[in-house]
Amino acid sequence: MKNAVFLKVLIVLIVLTIVSAIFSNSNLEFTSTIILILSIFKFVGVSFYFMELRKAHVFWKASVLIFLFLFSVVSLNILW
């Protein structure tokens, strides 16, 4: 059962990587914003499922999510 969840997360991560590669070759106005949002989802998937952050203390979960939030806000402000 546990391996099935990891396989599903891995497939989603691969699909997100392919989608971000497709968007990187497009000439849309918000390409960098879309790629940043996709990378945020990939970061959450890797950190919570493959780094076993789901079982970690609440402090570590909160610190990773706060870092992710601050990083994305700063990055989006630089992009816009």
N, C-alpha and C. Protein backbone atom coordinates (compact mmCIF):
# COMPACT_ATOMS: atom_id res chain seq x y z
N MET A 1 0.82 -1.21 0.00
CA MET A 1 0.00 0.00 0.00
C MET A 1 0.85 1.26 0.00
N LYS A 2 1.91 1.22 0.80
CA LYS A 2 2.76 2.39 0.90
C LYS A 2 3.50 2.64 -0.41
N ASN A 3 3.90 1.57 -1.08
CA ASN A 3 4.59 1.73 -2.35
C ASN A 3 3.68 2.29 -3.43
N ALA A 4 2.40 2.00 -3.35
CA ALA A 4 1.45 2.52 -4.33
C ALA A 4 1.32 4.03 -4.20
N VAL A 5 1.35 4.54 -2.98
CA VAL A 5 1.26 5.99 -2.76
C VAL A 5 2.52 6.66 -3.30
N PHE A 6 3.68 6.05 -3.02
CA PHE A 6 4.92 6.63 -3.52
C PHE A 6 4.96 6.61 -5.04
N LEU A 7 4.43 5.56 -5.65
CA LEU A 7 4.41 5.49 -7.10
C LEU A 7 3.50 6.56 -7.68
N LYS A 8 2.36 6.79 -7.06
CA LYS A 8 1.45 7.84 -7.53
C LYS A 8 2.08 9.22 -7.41
N VAL A 9 2.77 9.46 -6.29
CA VAL A 9 3.43 10.75 -6.10
C VAL A 9 4.55 10.92 -7.11
N LEU A 10 5.30 9.84 -7.37
CA LEU A 10 6.37 9.90 -8.36
C LEU A 10 5.84 10.19 -9.75
N ILE A 11 4.72 9.59 -10.11
CA ILE A 11 4.12 9.84 -11.42
C ILE A 11 3.65 11.29 -11.52
N VAL A 12 3.05 11.80 -10.45
CA VAL A 12 2.62 13.21 -10.45
C VAL A 12 3.82 14.13 -10.58
N LEU A 13 4.91 13.83 -9.90
CA LEU A 13 6.12 14.65 -10.00
C LEU A 13 6.70 14.63 -11.41
N ILE A 14 6.68 13.48 -12.05
CA ILE A 14 7.17 13.38 -13.43
C ILE A 14 6.27 14.17 -14.36
N VAL A 15 4.97 14.08 -14.17
CA VAL A 15 4.03 14.84 -15.01
C VAL A 15 4.23 16.34 -14.81
N LEU A 16 4.41 16.78 -13.57
CA LEU A 16 4.65 18.20 -13.31
C LEU A 16 5.95 18.67 -13.95
N THR A 17 6.97 17.81 -13.96
CA THR A 17 8.23 18.16 -14.61
C THR A 17 8.05 18.29 -16.11
N ILE A 18 7.29 17.41 -16.71
CA ILE A 18 7.04 17.48 -18.15
C ILE A 18 6.22 18.71 -18.49
N VAL A 19 5.22 19.02 -17.66
CA VAL A 19 4.40 20.20 -17.90
C VAL A 19 5.23 21.47 -17.78
N SER A 20 6.12 21.52 -16.79
CA SER A 20 6.96 22.71 -16.66
C SER A 20 7.94 22.82 -17.82
N ALA A 21 8.40 21.70 -18.36
CA ALA A 21 9.26 21.75 -19.55
C ALA A 21 8.49 22.26 -20.77
N ILE A 22 7.24 21.87 -20.88
CA ILE A 22 6.42 22.35 -21.99
C ILE A 22 6.18 23.85 -21.87
N PHE A 23 5.87 24.31 -20.65
CA PHE A 23 5.65 25.74 -20.45
C PHE A 23 6.92 26.56 -20.64
N SER A 24 8.07 25.96 -20.38
CA SER A 24 9.32 26.72 -20.53
C SER A 24 9.61 27.04 -22.00
N ASN A 25 9.06 26.26 -22.91
CA ASN A 25 9.27 26.51 -24.33
C ASN A 25 8.19 27.39 -24.94
N SER A 26 7.20 27.78 -24.14
CA SER A 26 6.13 28.62 -24.67
C SER A 26 6.47 30.09 -24.49
N ASN A 27 5.75 30.92 -25.17
CA ASN A 27 5.97 32.36 -25.11
C ASN A 27 4.83 33.08 -24.39
N LEU A 28 4.29 32.44 -23.37
CA LEU A 28 3.20 33.06 -22.61
C LEU A 28 3.75 34.17 -21.73
N GLU A 29 2.87 35.05 -21.32
CA GLU A 29 3.28 36.19 -20.50
C GLU A 29 3.66 35.76 -19.09
N PHE A 30 2.95 34.78 -18.55
CA PHE A 30 3.17 34.36 -17.17
C PHE A 30 3.88 33.01 -17.09
N THR A 31 4.80 32.75 -17.99
CA THR A 31 5.49 31.47 -18.01
C THR A 31 6.29 31.23 -16.74
N SER A 32 7.01 32.23 -16.31
CA SER A 32 7.84 32.05 -15.11
C SER A 32 6.98 31.85 -13.86
N THR A 33 5.83 32.50 -13.79
CA THR A 33 4.93 32.32 -12.65
C THR A 33 4.36 30.90 -12.63
N ILE A 34 3.99 30.40 -13.79
CA ILE A 34 3.45 29.05 -13.87
C ILE A 34 4.51 28.03 -13.48
N ILE A 35 5.73 28.21 -13.94
CA ILE A 35 6.81 27.29 -13.60
C ILE A 35 7.12 27.36 -12.11
N LEU A 36 7.06 28.54 -11.53
CA LEU A 36 7.30 28.67 -10.09
C LEU A 36 6.21 27.96 -9.28
N ILE A 37 4.98 28.08 -9.68
CA ILE A 37 3.88 27.41 -8.98
C ILE A 37 4.00 25.89 -9.10
N LEU A 38 4.37 25.42 -10.29
CA LEU A 38 4.58 23.98 -10.46
C LEU A 38 5.74 23.49 -9.61
N SER A 39 6.79 24.28 -9.49
CA SER A 39 7.92 23.86 -8.66
C SER A 39 7.57 23.86 -7.18
N ILE A 40 6.64 24.71 -6.77
CA ILE A 40 6.17 24.69 -5.38
C ILE A 40 5.46 23.36 -5.09
N PHE A 41 4.61 22.93 -6.01
CA PHE A 41 3.94 21.65 -5.83
C PHE A 41 4.93 20.49 -5.81
N LYS A 42 5.95 20.57 -6.66
CA LYS A 42 6.96 19.53 -6.68
C LYS A 42 7.76 19.52 -5.39
N PHE A 43 8.07 20.68 -4.85
CA PHE A 43 8.79 20.77 -3.59
C PHE A 43 8.00 20.15 -2.45
N VAL A 44 6.72 20.43 -2.41
CA VAL A 44 5.87 19.85 -1.36
C VAL A 44 5.80 18.32 -1.52
N GLY A 45 5.67 17.85 -2.74
CA GLY A 45 5.61 16.41 -2.97
C GLY A 45 6.88 15.70 -2.55
N VAL A 46 8.00 16.26 -2.91
CA VAL A 46 9.28 15.64 -2.55
C VAL A 46 9.51 15.71 -1.05
N SER A 47 9.27 16.87 -0.46
CA SER A 47 9.60 17.01 0.96
C SER A 47 8.66 16.21 1.86
N PHE A 48 7.39 16.14 1.54
CA PHE A 48 6.47 15.44 2.43
C PHE A 48 6.43 13.94 2.19
N TYR A 49 6.67 13.49 0.97
CA TYR A 49 6.56 12.06 0.71
C TYR A 49 7.90 11.35 0.66
N PHE A 50 8.91 11.95 0.04
CA PHE A 50 10.17 11.24 -0.11
C PHE A 50 11.19 11.60 0.96
N MET A 51 11.02 12.71 1.65
CA MET A 51 11.89 13.06 2.76
C MET A 51 11.22 12.74 4.10
N GLU A 52 10.08 12.08 4.05
CA GLU A 52 9.34 11.64 5.24
C GLU A 52 9.00 12.78 6.18
N LEU A 53 8.68 13.94 5.63
CA LEU A 53 8.32 15.07 6.47
C LEU A 53 6.92 14.91 7.05
N ARG A 54 6.12 14.03 6.48
CA ARG A 54 4.78 13.79 7.01
C ARG A 54 4.83 13.26 8.44
N LYS A 55 5.88 12.51 8.76
CA LYS A 55 6.01 11.91 10.09
C LYS A 55 6.85 12.77 11.03
N ALA A 56 7.31 13.90 10.57
CA ALA A 56 8.19 14.73 11.38
C ALA A 56 7.38 15.54 12.39
N HIS A 57 8.10 16.21 13.25
CA HIS A 57 7.49 17.08 14.26
C HIS A 57 6.82 18.26 13.56
N VAL A 58 5.81 18.81 14.21
CA VAL A 58 5.05 19.93 13.65
C VAL A 58 5.96 21.13 13.37
N PHE A 59 6.98 21.32 14.20
CA PHE A 59 7.91 22.42 14.00
C PHE A 59 8.58 22.34 12.63
N TRP A 60 9.01 21.14 12.23
CA TRP A 60 9.70 20.99 10.96
C TRP A 60 8.74 21.15 9.78
N LYS A 61 7.54 20.66 9.94
CA LYS A 61 6.54 20.85 8.88
C LYS A 61 6.24 22.33 8.69
N ALA A 62 6.04 23.02 9.80
CA ALA A 62 5.72 24.44 9.73
C ALA A 62 6.89 25.24 9.19
N SER A 63 8.10 24.89 9.59
CA SER A 63 9.26 25.65 9.11
C SER A 63 9.46 25.48 7.61
N VAL A 64 9.24 24.29 7.10
CA VAL A 64 9.37 24.08 5.66
C VAL A 64 8.28 24.83 4.91
N LEU A 65 7.06 24.78 5.41
CA LEU A 65 5.97 25.48 4.73
C LEU A 65 6.12 27.00 4.82
N ILE A 66 6.61 27.51 5.95
CA ILE A 66 6.84 28.95 6.06
C ILE A 66 7.96 29.38 5.12
N PHE A 67 9.03 28.58 5.05
CA PHE A 67 10.10 28.89 4.11
C PHE A 67 9.58 28.89 2.69
N LEU A 68 8.79 27.91 2.33
CA LEU A 68 8.24 27.82 0.99
C LEU A 68 7.35 29.02 0.68
N PHE A 69 6.54 29.42 1.65
CA PHE A 69 5.67 30.58 1.46
C PHE A 69 6.49 31.85 1.27
N LEU A 70 7.48 32.07 2.12
CA LEU A 70 8.30 33.28 2.01
C LEU A 70 9.10 33.30 0.71
N PHE A 71 9.65 32.16 0.34
CA PHE A 71 10.41 32.08 -0.90
C PHE A 71 9.53 32.36 -2.11
N SER A 72 8.33 31.80 -2.12
CA SER A 72 7.45 32.02 -3.26
C SER A 72 6.96 33.46 -3.33
N VAL A 73 6.68 34.09 -2.18
CA VAL A 73 6.24 35.48 -2.18
C VAL A 73 7.35 36.39 -2.68
N VAL A 74 8.57 36.17 -2.20
CA VAL A 74 9.69 36.98 -2.66
C VAL A 74 9.96 36.77 -4.14
N SER A 75 9.91 35.52 -4.58
CA SER A 75 10.16 35.23 -6.00
C SER A 75 9.09 35.83 -6.89
N LEU A 76 7.83 35.73 -6.47
CA LEU A 76 6.77 36.32 -7.29
C LEU A 76 6.86 37.84 -7.32
N ASN A 77 7.28 38.46 -6.22
CA ASN A 77 7.46 39.91 -6.23
C ASN A 77 8.61 40.32 -7.14
N ILE A 78 9.64 39.53 -7.22
CA ILE A 78 10.75 39.84 -8.12
C ILE A 78 10.31 39.66 -9.58
N LEU A 79 9.51 38.62 -9.84
CA LEU A 79 9.07 38.36 -11.21
C LEU A 79 8.11 39.40 -11.73
N TRP A 80 7.28 39.95 -10.84
CA TRP A 80 6.28 40.92 -11.29
C TRP A 80 6.83 42.28 -11.13
